[in-house]
PDB file of N, CA and C in Angstrom:
ATOM      1  N   MET A   1      46.136  69.847  95.645  1.00  0.00           N
ATOM      2  CA  MET A   1      47.317  70.078  94.823  1.00  0.00           C
ATOM      3  C   MET A   1      47.032  69.565  93.413  1.00  0.00           C
ATOM      4  N   THR A   2      47.613  70.271  92.434  1.00  0.00           N
ATOM      5  CA  THR A   2      47.420  69.878  91.048  1.00  0.00           C
ATOM      6  C   THR A   2      48.371  68.755  90.688  1.00  0.00           C
ATOM      7  N   ALA A   3      48.160  68.182  89.509  1.00  0.00           N
ATOM      8  CA  ALA A   3      48.990  67.064  89.070  1.00  0.00           C
ATOM      9  C   ALA A   3      50.434  67.489  88.914  1.00  0.00           C
ATOM     10  N   ALA A   4      51.334  66.571  89.187  1.00  0.00           N
ATOM     11  CA  ALA A   4      52.765  66.855  89.095  1.00  0.00           C
ATOM     12  C   ALA A   4      53.110  67.341  87.703  1.00  0.00           C
ATOM     13  N   GLY A   5      53.903  68.403  87.659  1.00  0.00           N
ATOM     14  CA  GLY A   5      54.374  68.914  86.392  1.00  0.00           C
ATOM     15  C   GLY A   5      53.395  69.844  85.708  1.00  0.00           C
ATOM     16  N   SER A   6      52.303  70.176  86.368  1.00  0.00           N
ATOM     17  CA  SER A   6      51.304  71.008  85.723  1.00  0.00           C
ATOM     18  C   SER A   6      51.723  72.468  85.710  1.00  0.00           C
ATOM     19  N   GLY A   7      51.128  73.218  84.797  1.00  0.00           N
ATOM     20  CA  GLY A   7      51.383  74.646  84.720  1.00  0.00           C
ATOM     21  C   GLY A   7      50.979  75.360  85.987  1.00  0.00           C
ATOM     22  N   GLY A   8      49.924  74.860  86.658  1.00  0.00           N
ATOM     23  CA  GLY A   8      49.498  75.461  87.923  1.00  0.00           C
ATOM     24  C   GLY A   8      50.589  75.405  88.971  1.00  0.00           C
ATOM     25  N   ASP A   9      51.258  74.265  89.079  1.00  0.00           N
ATOM     26  CA  ASP A   9      52.370  74.144  90.020  1.00  0.00           C
ATOM     27  C   ASP A   9      53.506  75.074  89.620  1.00  0.00           C
ATOM     28  N   ASN A  10      53.779  75.174  88.324  1.00  0.00           N
ATOM     29  CA  ASN A  10      54.837  76.079  87.868  1.00  0.00           C
ATOM     30  C   ASN A  10      54.495  77.513  88.237  1.00  0.00           C
ATOM     31  N   ASP A  11      53.226  77.895  88.088  1.00  0.00           N
ATOM     32  CA  ASP A  11      52.803  79.245  88.464  1.00  0.00           C
ATOM     33  C   ASP A  11      52.981  79.473  89.962  1.00  0.00           C
ATOM     34  N   GLN A  12      52.662  78.464  90.762  1.00  0.00           N
ATOM     35  CA  GLN A  12      52.816  78.583  92.212  1.00  0.00           C
ATOM     36  C   GLN A  12      54.297  78.666  92.596  1.00  0.00           C
ATOM     37  N   ILE A  13      55.123  77.881  91.942  1.00  0.00           N
ATOM     38  CA  ILE A  13      56.560  77.933  92.216  1.00  0.00           C
ATOM     39  C   ILE A  13      57.113  79.289  91.790  1.00  0.00           C
ATOM     40  N   ALA A  14      56.686  79.793  90.644  1.00  0.00           N
ATOM     41  CA  ALA A  14      57.124  81.118  90.197  1.00  0.00           C
ATOM     42  C   ALA A  14      56.712  82.188  91.211  1.00  0.00           C
ATOM     43  N   ALA A  15      55.511  82.068  91.768  1.00  0.00           N
ATOM     44  CA  ALA A  15      55.057  83.025  92.784  1.00  0.00           C
ATOM     45  C   ALA A  15      55.939  82.949  94.031  1.00  0.00           C
ATOM     46  N   LEU A  16      56.330  81.732  94.442  1.00  0.00           N
ATOM     47  CA  LEU A  16      57.238  81.583  95.580  1.00  0.00           C
ATOM     48  C   LEU A  16      58.592  82.221  95.282  1.00  0.00           C
ATOM     49  N   LEU A  17      59.067  82.062  94.065  1.00  0.00           N
ATOM     50  CA  LEU A  17      60.358  82.647  93.688  1.00  0.00           C
ATOM     51  C   LEU A  17      60.288  84.170  93.709  1.00  0.00           C
ATOM     52  N   ARG A  18      59.178  84.741  93.262  1.00  0.00           N
ATOM     53  CA  ARG A  18      59.023  86.202  93.360  1.00  0.00           C
ATOM     54  C   ARG A  18      58.990  86.634  94.821  1.00  0.00           C
ATOM     55  N   GLU A  19      58.300  85.852  95.654  1.00  0.00           N
ATOM     56  CA  GLU A  19      58.203  86.181  97.079  1.00  0.00           C
ATOM     57  C   GLU A  19      59.569  86.113  97.759  1.00  0.00           C
ATOM     58  N   VAL A  20      60.338  85.065  97.479  1.00  0.00           N
ATOM     59  CA  VAL A  20      61.655  84.956  98.106  1.00  0.00           C
ATOM     60  C   VAL A  20      62.566  86.083  97.618  1.00  0.00           C
ATOM     61  N   ALA A  21      62.451  86.464  96.361  1.00  0.00           N
ATOM     62  CA  ALA A  21      63.268  87.560  95.835  1.00  0.00           C
ATOM     63  C   ALA A  21      62.928  88.874  96.536  1.00  0.00           C
ATOM     64  N   GLU A  22      61.638  89.137  96.709  1.00  0.00           N
ATOM     65  CA  GLU A  22      61.212  90.356  97.398  1.00  0.00           C
ATOM     66  C   GLU A  22      61.670  90.352  98.853  1.00  0.00           C
ATOM     67  N   THR A  23      61.534  89.214  99.508  1.00  0.00           N
ATOM     68  CA  THR A  23      61.950  89.092 100.909  1.00  0.00           C
ATOM     69  C   THR A  23      63.454  89.277 101.032  1.00  0.00           C
ATOM     70  N   HIS A  24      64.201  88.633 100.149  1.00  0.00           N
ATOM     71  CA  HIS A  24      65.662  88.750 100.158  1.00  0.00           C
ATOM     72  C   HIS A  24      66.073  90.208  99.953  1.00  0.00           C
ATOM     73  N   HIS A  25      65.425  90.882  99.035  1.00  0.00           N
ATOM     74  CA  HIS A  25      65.771  92.273  98.758  1.00  0.00           C
ATOM     75  C   HIS A  25      65.499  93.154  99.981  1.00  0.00           C
ATOM     76  N   ARG A  26      64.404  92.866 100.700  1.00  0.00           N
ATOM     77  CA  ARG A  26      64.120  93.623 101.932  1.00  0.00           C
ATOM     78  C   ARG A  26      65.170  93.355 102.993  1.00  0.00           C
ATOM     79  N   VAL A  27      65.539  92.095 103.156  1.00  0.00           N
ATOM     80  CA  VAL A  27      66.534  91.738 104.182  1.00  0.00           C
ATOM     81  C   VAL A  27      67.890  92.361 103.850  1.00  0.00           C
ATOM     82  N   TYR A  28      68.223  92.398 102.566  1.00  0.00           N
ATOM     83  CA  TYR A  28      69.513  92.942 102.130  1.00  0.00           C
ATOM     84  C   TYR A  28      69.368  94.364 101.579  1.00  0.00           C
ATOM     85  N   ARG A  29      68.401  95.109 102.106  1.00  0.00           N
ATOM     86  CA  ARG A  29      68.147  96.459 101.609  1.00  0.00           C
ATOM     87  C   ARG A  29      69.341  97.387 101.785  1.00  0.00           C
ATOM     88  N   ILE A  30      70.133  97.174 102.816  1.00  0.00           N
ATOM     89  CA  ILE A  30      71.283  98.040 103.061  1.00  0.00           C
ATOM     90  C   ILE A  30      72.327  97.923 101.946  1.00  0.00           C
ATOM     91  N   THR A  31      72.322  96.786 101.250  1.00  0.00           N
ATOM     92  CA  THR A  31      73.246  96.593 100.123  1.00  0.00           C
ATOM     93  C   THR A  31      72.485  96.584  98.796  1.00  0.00           C
ATOM     94  N   ASP A  32      71.246  97.091  98.819  1.00  0.00           N
ATOM     95  CA  ASP A  32      70.387  97.123  97.634  1.00  0.00           C
ATOM     96  C   ASP A  32      70.203  95.728  97.037  1.00  0.00           C
ATOM     97  N   GLY A  33      70.113  94.740  97.895  1.00  0.00           N
ATOM     98  CA  GLY A  33      69.862  93.365  97.465  1.00  0.00           C
ATOM     99  C   GLY A  33      71.100  92.587  97.075  1.00  0.00           C
ATOM    100  N   ALA A  34      72.260  93.221  97.100  1.00  0.00           N
ATOM    101  CA  ALA A  34      73.493  92.538  96.701  1.00  0.00           C
ATOM    102  C   ALA A  34      73.878  91.486  97.742  1.00  0.00           C
ATOM    103  N   ASP A  35      74.083  90.265  97.283  1.00  0.00           N
ATOM    104  CA  ASP A  35      74.459  89.150  98.154  1.00  0.00           C
ATOM    105  C   ASP A  35      75.063  88.065  97.270  1.00  0.00           C
ATOM    106  N   ASP A  36      76.369  87.892  97.346  1.00  0.00           N
ATOM    107  CA  ASP A  36      77.038  86.892  96.515  1.00  0.00           C
ATOM    108  C   ASP A  36      76.571  85.469  96.810  1.00  0.00           C
ATOM    109  N   ASP A  37      76.034  85.240  98.006  1.00  0.00           N
ATOM    110  CA  ASP A  37      75.574  83.906  98.386  1.00  0.00           C
ATOM    111  C   ASP A  37      74.044  83.837  98.397  1.00  0.00           C
ATOM    112  N   TRP A  38      73.421  84.546  97.467  1.00  0.00           N
ATOM    113  CA  TRP A  38      71.964  84.629  97.413  1.00  0.00           C
ATOM    114  C   TRP A  38      71.306  83.256  97.302  1.00  0.00           C
ATOM    115  N   ALA A  39      71.907  82.352  96.558  1.00  0.00           N
ATOM    116  CA  ALA A  39      71.281  81.049  96.331  1.00  0.00           C
ATOM    117  C   ALA A  39      71.145  80.259  97.638  1.00  0.00           C
ATOM    118  N   SER A  40      72.105  80.385  98.532  1.00  0.00           N
ATOM    119  CA  SER A  40      71.999  79.716  99.838  1.00  0.00           C
ATOM    120  C   SER A  40      70.851  80.295 100.648  1.00  0.00           C
ATOM    121  N   TRP A  41      70.733  81.612 100.618  1.00  0.00           N
ATOM    122  CA  TRP A  41      69.650  82.278 101.345  1.00  0.00           C
ATOM    123  C   TRP A  41      68.305  81.854 100.779  1.00  0.00           C
ATOM    124  N   TYR A  42      68.190  81.867  99.437  1.00  0.00           N
ATOM    125  CA  TYR A  42      66.955  81.444  98.786  1.00  0.00           C
ATOM    126  C   TYR A  42      66.616  80.001  99.174  1.00  0.00           C
ATOM    127  N   ALA A  43      67.604  79.115  99.125  1.00  0.00           N
ATOM    128  CA  ALA A  43      67.362  77.703  99.434  1.00  0.00           C
ATOM    129  C   ALA A  43      66.863  77.530 100.860  1.00  0.00           C
ATOM    130  N   ASP A  44      67.483  78.224 101.809  1.00  0.00           N
ATOM    131  CA  ASP A  44      67.029  78.139 103.201  1.00  0.00           C
ATOM    132  C   ASP A  44      65.568  78.567 103.319  1.00  0.00           C
ATOM    133  N   TRP A  45      65.238  79.681 102.705  1.00  0.00           N
ATOM    134  CA  TRP A  45      63.872  80.211 102.774  1.00  0.00           C
ATOM    135  C   TRP A  45      62.893  79.278 102.070  1.00  0.00           C
ATOM    136  N   LEU A  46      63.236  78.840 100.873  1.00  0.00           N
ATOM    137  CA  LEU A  46      62.338  77.983 100.101  1.00  0.00           C
ATOM    138  C   LEU A  46      62.084  76.642 100.786  1.00  0.00           C
ATOM    139  N   LEU A  47      63.104  76.099 101.456  1.00  0.00           N
ATOM    140  CA  LEU A  47      62.932  74.805 102.127  1.00  0.00           C
ATOM    141  C   LEU A  47      62.283  74.945 103.498  1.00  0.00           C
ATOM    142  N   GLY A  48      62.560  76.037 104.189  1.00  0.00           N
ATOM    143  CA  GLY A  48      62.063  76.180 105.556  1.00  0.00           C
ATOM    144  C   GLY A  48      60.797  76.989 105.708  1.00  0.00           C
ATOM    145  N   LEU A  49      60.511  77.869 104.748  1.00  0.00           N
ATOM    146  CA  LEU A  49      59.404  78.802 104.934  1.00  0.00           C
ATOM    147  C   LEU A  49      58.434  78.862 103.754  1.00  0.00           C
ATOM    148  N   SER A  50      58.466  77.857 102.901  1.00  0.00           N
ATOM    149  CA  SER A  50      57.550  77.869 101.759  1.00  0.00           C
ATOM    150  C   SER A  50      57.029  76.464 101.459  1.00  0.00           C
ATOM    151  N   GLU A  51      56.148  76.415 100.494  1.00  0.00           N
ATOM    152  CA  GLU A  51      55.524  75.158 100.077  1.00  0.00           C
ATOM    153  C   GLU A  51      56.291  74.480  98.950  1.00  0.00           C
ATOM    154  N   LEU A  52      57.506  74.921  98.649  1.00  0.00           N
ATOM    155  CA  LEU A  52      58.244  74.373  97.520  1.00  0.00           C
ATOM    156  C   LEU A  52      58.362  72.850  97.557  1.00  0.00           C
ATOM    157  N   PRO A  53      58.743  72.231  98.678  1.00  0.00           N
ATOM    158  CA  PRO A  53      58.856  70.765  98.666  1.00  0.00           C
ATOM    159  C   PRO A  53      57.544  70.075  98.278  1.00  0.00           C
ATOM    160  N   GLU A  54      56.417  70.593  98.756  1.00  0.00           N
ATOM    161  CA  GLU A  54      55.129  69.988  98.407  1.00  0.00           C
ATOM    162  C   GLU A  54      54.829  70.166  96.918  1.00  0.00           C
ATOM    163  N   LEU A  55      55.152  71.334  96.387  1.00  0.00           N
ATOM    164  CA  LEU A  55      54.886  71.598  94.970  1.00  0.00           C
ATOM    165  C   LEU A  55      55.779  70.772  94.057  1.00  0.00           C
ATOM    166  N   LEU A  56      56.999  70.522  94.499  1.00  0.00           N
ATOM    167  CA  LEU A  56      57.906  69.683  93.708  1.00  0.00           C
ATOM    168  C   LEU A  56      57.607  68.200  93.880  1.00  0.00           C
ATOM    169  N   GLY A  57      56.956  67.852  94.987  1.00  0.00           N
ATOM    170  CA  GLY A  57      56.693  66.445  95.275  1.00  0.00           C
ATOM    171  C   GLY A  57      57.893  65.743  95.874  1.00  0.00           C
ATOM    172  N   VAL A  58      58.897  66.508  96.252  1.00  0.00           N
ATOM    173  CA  VAL A  58      60.116  65.981  96.865  1.00  0.00           C
ATOM    174  C   VAL A  58      60.759  67.109  97.661  1.00  0.00           C
ATOM    175  N   ARG A  59      61.414  66.749  98.756  1.00  0.00           N
ATOM    176  CA  ARG A  59      62.146  67.757  99.517  1.00  0.00           C
ATOM    177  C   ARG A  59      63.603  67.710  99.061  1.00  0.00           C
ATOM    178  N   PRO A  60      64.024  68.699  98.269  1.00  0.00           N
ATOM    179  CA  PRO A  60      65.393  68.684  97.767  1.00  0.00           C
ATOM    180  C   PRO A  60      66.414  68.789  98.898  1.00  0.00           C
ATOM    181  N   VAL A  61      67.545  68.173  98.702  1.00  0.00           N
ATOM    182  CA  VAL A  61      68.678  68.392  99.605  1.00  0.00           C
ATOM    183  C   VAL A  61      69.085  69.847  99.398  1.00  0.00           C
ATOM    184  N   ARG A  62      69.354  70.556 100.481  1.00  0.00           N
ATOM    185  CA  ARG A  62      69.656  71.982 100.406  1.00  0.00           C
ATOM    186  C   ARG A  62      70.754  72.290  99.395  1.00  0.00           C
ATOM    187  N   SER A  63      71.851  71.555  99.454  1.00  0.00           N
ATOM    188  CA  SER A  63      72.965  71.829  98.548  1.00  0.00           C
ATOM    189  C   SER A  63      72.579  71.599  97.090  1.00  0.00           C
ATOM    190  N   HIS A  64      71.680  70.651  96.841  1.00  0.00           N
ATOM    191  CA  HIS A  64      71.212  70.400  95.479  1.00  0.00           C
ATOM    192  C   HIS A  64      70.357  71.565  94.986  1.00  0.00           C
ATOM    193  N   LEU A  65      69.530  72.115  95.891  1.00  0.00           N
ATOM    194  CA  LEU A  65      68.708  73.263  95.524  1.00  0.00           C
ATOM    195  C   LEU A  65      69.587  74.486  95.248  1.00  0.00           C
ATOM    196  N   VAL A  66      70.593  74.702  96.079  1.00  0.00           N
ATOM    197  CA  VAL A  66      71.526  75.812  95.845  1.00  0.00           C
ATOM    198  C   VAL A  66      72.170  75.654  94.468  1.00  0.00           C
ATOM    199  N   HIS A  67      72.644  74.467  94.181  1.00  0.00           N
ATOM    200  CA  HIS A  67      73.280  74.194  92.884  1.00  0.00           C
ATOM    201  C   HIS A  67      72.305  74.448  91.732  1.00  0.00           C
ATOM    202  N   ALA A  68      71.076  73.966  91.876  1.00  0.00           N
ATOM    203  CA  ALA A  68      70.071  74.149  90.823  1.00  0.00           C
ATOM    204  C   ALA A  68      69.794  75.637  90.595  1.00  0.00           C
ATOM    205  N   LEU A  69      69.663  76.404  91.671  1.00  0.00           N
ATOM    206  CA  LEU A  69      69.402  77.836  91.534  1.00  0.00           C
ATOM    207  C   LEU A  69      70.546  78.555  90.826  1.00  0.00           C
ATOM    208  N   VAL A  70      71.775  78.220  91.200  1.00  0.00           N
ATOM    209  CA  VAL A  70      72.935  78.843  90.565  1.00  0.00           C
ATOM    210  C   VAL A  70      72.999  78.464  89.087  1.00  0.00           C
ATOM    211  N   GLN A  71      72.772  77.201  88.784  1.00  0.00           N
ATOM    212  CA  GLN A  71      72.822  76.754  87.398  1.00  0.00           C
ATOM    213  C   GLN A  71      71.710  77.403  86.570  1.00  0.00           C
ATOM    214  N   LEU A  72      70.509  77.488  87.121  1.00  0.00           N
ATOM    215  CA  LEU A  72      69.412  78.129  86.407  1.00  0.00           C
ATOM    216  C   LEU A  72      69.694  79.608  86.183  1.00  0.00           C
ATOM    217  N   ASP A  73      70.334  80.247  87.148  1.00  0.00           N
ATOM    218  CA  ASP A  73      70.706  81.648  86.979  1.00  0.00           C
ATOM    219  C   ASP A  73      71.695  81.804  85.824  1.00  0.00           C
ATOM    220  N   ARG A  74      72.679  80.930  85.772  1.00  0.00           N
ATOM    221  CA  ARG A  74      73.654  80.973  84.667  1.00  0.00           C
ATOM    222  C   ARG A  74      72.958  80.773  83.322  1.00  0.00           C
ATOM    223  N   GLU A  75      72.060  79.802  83.267  1.00  0.00           N
ATOM    224  CA  GLU A  75      71.351  79.515  82.014  1.00  0.00           C
ATOM    225  C   GLU A  75      70.463  80.693  81.598  1.00  0.00           C
ATOM    226  N   TYR A  76      69.784  81.289  82.566  1.00  0.00           N
ATOM    227  CA  TYR A  76      68.891  82.402  82.253  1.00  0.00           C
ATOM    228  C   TYR A  76      69.680  83.617  81.767  1.00  0.00           C
ATOM    229  N   VAL A  77      70.782  83.905  82.451  1.00  0.00           N
ATOM    230  CA  VAL A  77      71.609  85.055  82.073  1.00  0.00           C
ATOM    231  C   VAL A  77      72.227  84.845  80.696  1.00  0.00           C
ATOM    232  N   SER A  78      72.620  83.618  80.382  1.00  0.00           N
ATOM    233  CA  SER A  78      73.268  83.354  79.101  1.00  0.00           C
ATOM    234  C   SER A  78      72.268  83.171  77.961  1.00  0.00           C
ATOM    235  N   ALA A  79      70.985  82.950  78.285  1.00  0.00           N
ATOM    236  CA  ALA A  79      69.958  82.778  77.247  1.00  0.00           C
ATOM    237  C   ALA A  79      69.689  84.122  76.586  1.00  0.00           C
ATOM    238  N   ASP A  80      69.237  84.066  75.377  1.00  0.00           N
ATOM    239  CA  ASP A  80      68.871  85.281  74.667  1.00  0.00           C
ATOM    240  C   ASP A  80      67.466  85.673  75.119  1.00  0.00           C
ATOM    241  N   THR A  81      67.388  86.399  76.223  1.00  0.00           N
ATOM    242  CA  THR A  81      66.099  86.747  76.816  1.00  0.00           C
ATOM    243  C   THR A  81      65.337  87.775  75.995  1.00  0.00           C
ATOM    244  N   GLU A  82      65.971  88.379  75.004  1.00  0.00           N
ATOM    245  CA  GLU A  82      65.252  89.309  74.144  1.00  0.00           C
ATOM    246  C   GLU A  82      64.314  88.565  73.202  1.00  0.00           C
ATOM    247  N   ASP A  83      64.591  87.296  72.932  1.00  0.00           N
ATOM    248  CA  ASP A  83      63.757  86.502  72.025  1.00  0.00           C
ATOM    249  C   ASP A  83      62.591  85.836  72.747  1.00  0.00           C
ATOM    250  N   THR A  84      62.510  85.988  74.049  1.00  0.00           N
ATOM    251  CA  THR A  84      61.428  85.372  74.806  1.00  0.00           C
ATOM    252  C   THR A  84      60.870  86.378  75.799  1.00  0.00           C
ATOM    253  N   GLU A  85      59.619  86.206  76.122  1.00  0.00           N
ATOM    254  CA  GLU A  85      59.008  87.053  77.134  1.00  0.00           C
ATOM    255  C   GLU A  85      58.974  86.355  78.483  1.00  0.00           C
ATOM    256  N   GLU A  86      59.615  85.193  78.581  1.00  0.00           N
ATOM    257  CA  GLU A  86      59.598  84.436  79.829  1.00  0.00           C
ATOM    258  C   GLU A  86      60.411  85.165  80.891  1.00  0.00           C
ATOM    259  N   LEU A  87      59.770  85.502  81.977  1.00  0.00           N
ATOM    260  CA  LEU A  87      60.448  86.156  83.085  1.00  0.00           C
ATOM    261  C   LEU A  87      61.210  85.125  83.901  1.00  0.00           C
ATOM    262  N   TRP A  88      62.203  85.594  84.655  1.00  0.00           N
ATOM    263  CA  TRP A  88      63.059  84.657  85.391  1.00  0.00           C
ATOM    264  C   TRP A  88      62.278  83.738  86.328  1.00  0.00           C
ATOM    265  N   PRO A  89      61.239  84.203  87.061  1.00  0.00           N
ATOM    266  CA  PRO A  89      60.554  83.255  87.954  1.00  0.00           C
ATOM    267  C   PRO A  89      59.940  82.071  87.207  1.00  0.00           C
ATOM    268  N   ALA A  90      59.376  82.316  86.033  1.00  0.00           N
ATOM    269  CA  ALA A  90      58.790  81.221  85.252  1.00  0.00           C
ATOM    270  C   ALA A  90      59.878  80.293  84.723  1.00  0.00           C
ATOM    271  N   PHE A  91      60.985  80.861  84.273  1.00  0.00           N
ATOM    272  CA  PHE A  91      62.118  80.074  83.779  1.00  0.00           C
ATOM    273  C   PHE A  91      62.668  79.181  84.894  1.00  0.00           C
ATOM    274  N   TYR A  92      62.887  79.769  86.074  1.00  0.00           N
ATOM    275  CA  TYR A  92      63.416  79.007  87.204  1.00  0.00           C
ATOM    276  C   TYR A  92      62.422  77.944  87.664  1.00  0.00           C
ATOM    277  N   ALA A  93      61.125  78.299  87.704  1.00  0.00           N
ATOM    278  CA  ALA A  93      60.104  77.342  88.149  1.00  0.00           C
ATOM    279  C   ALA A  93      60.100  76.115  87.242  1.00  0.00           C
ATOM    280  N   ARG A  94      60.092  76.351  85.945  1.00  0.00           N
ATOM    281  CA  ARG A  94      60.129  75.237  84.991  1.00  0.00           C
ATOM    282  C   ARG A  94      61.406  74.425  85.182  1.00  0.00           C
ATOM    283  N   GLY A  95      62.523  75.115  85.357  1.00  0.00           N
ATOM    284  CA  GLY A  95      63.801  74.438  85.547  1.00  0.00           C
ATOM    285  C   GLY A  95      63.849  73.615  86.822  1.00  0.00           C
ATOM    286  N   LEU A  96      63.315  74.149  87.906  1.00  0.00           N
ATOM    287  CA  LEU A  96      63.305  73.400  89.166  1.00  0.00           C
ATOM    288  C   LEU A  96      62.439  72.152  89.051  1.00  0.00           C
ATOM    289  N   ARG A  97      61.303  72.254  88.368  1.00  0.00           N
ATOM    290  CA  ARG A  97      60.445  71.070  88.185  1.00  0.00           C
ATOM    291  C   ARG A  97      61.196  70.012  87.396  1.00  0.00           C
ATOM    292  N   GLU A  98      61.883  70.423  86.333  1.00  0.00           N
ATOM    293  CA  GLU A  98      62.652  69.470  85.525  1.00  0.00           C
ATOM    294  C   GLU A  98      63.819  68.904  86.330  1.00  0.00           C
ATOM    295  N   TRP A  99      64.504  69.756  87.044  1.00  0.00           N
ATOM    296  CA  TRP A  99      65.697  69.373  87.808  1.00  0.00           C
ATOM    297  C   TRP A  99      65.349  68.291  88.831  1.00  0.00           C
ATOM    298  N   PHE A 100      64.270  68.513  89.567  1.00  0.00           N
ATOM    299  CA  PHE A 100      63.954  67.606  90.670  1.00  0.00           C
ATOM    300  C   PHE A 100      62.981  66.495  90.285  1.00  0.00           C
ATOM    301  N   SER A 101      62.542  66.466  89.028  1.00  0.00           N
ATOM    302  CA  SER A 101      61.720  65.341  88.593  1.00  0.00           C
ATOM    303  C   SER A 101      62.587  64.286  87.918  1.00  0.00           C
ATOM    304  N   SER A 102      63.828  64.658  87.613  1.00  0.00           N
ATOM    305  CA  SER A 102      64.753  63.697  86.995  1.00  0.00           C
ATOM    306  C   SER A 102      65.849  63.352  87.978  1.00  0.00           C
ATOM    307  N   SER A 103      66.559  62.294  87.704  1.00  0.00           N
ATOM    308  CA  SER A 103      67.682  61.936  88.570  1.00  0.00           C
ATOM    309  C   SER A 103      68.950  62.489  87.946  1.00  0.00           C
ATOM    310  N   ARG A 104      69.456  63.544  88.530  1.00  0.00           N
ATOM    311  CA  ARG A 104      70.685  64.184  88.035  1.00  0.00           C
ATOM    312  C   ARG A 104      71.855  63.646  88.799  1.00  0.00           C
TER     313      ARG A 104
END
């Protein structure tokens, strides 16, 4: 594993976020991926079926991860994404590292 907070870990977390998004979309294909409680589904998958806790260096409490995902989604949607080329997985990965490396 790379050093905590490294770009390599952010890239790996971003890859996990793309994977969970693709998996979620397949599971919810009948609704074209629509799921008002997507963050809960993502949190379950990320905590139970991925390396996210190891990459973060901490196992987030599920409800905290759900909250972080929802908050990051709000921030990303409200950000002026036309001024940046940062895709949502990279934005969320960076945000999750910051979120769980500090005491909120």
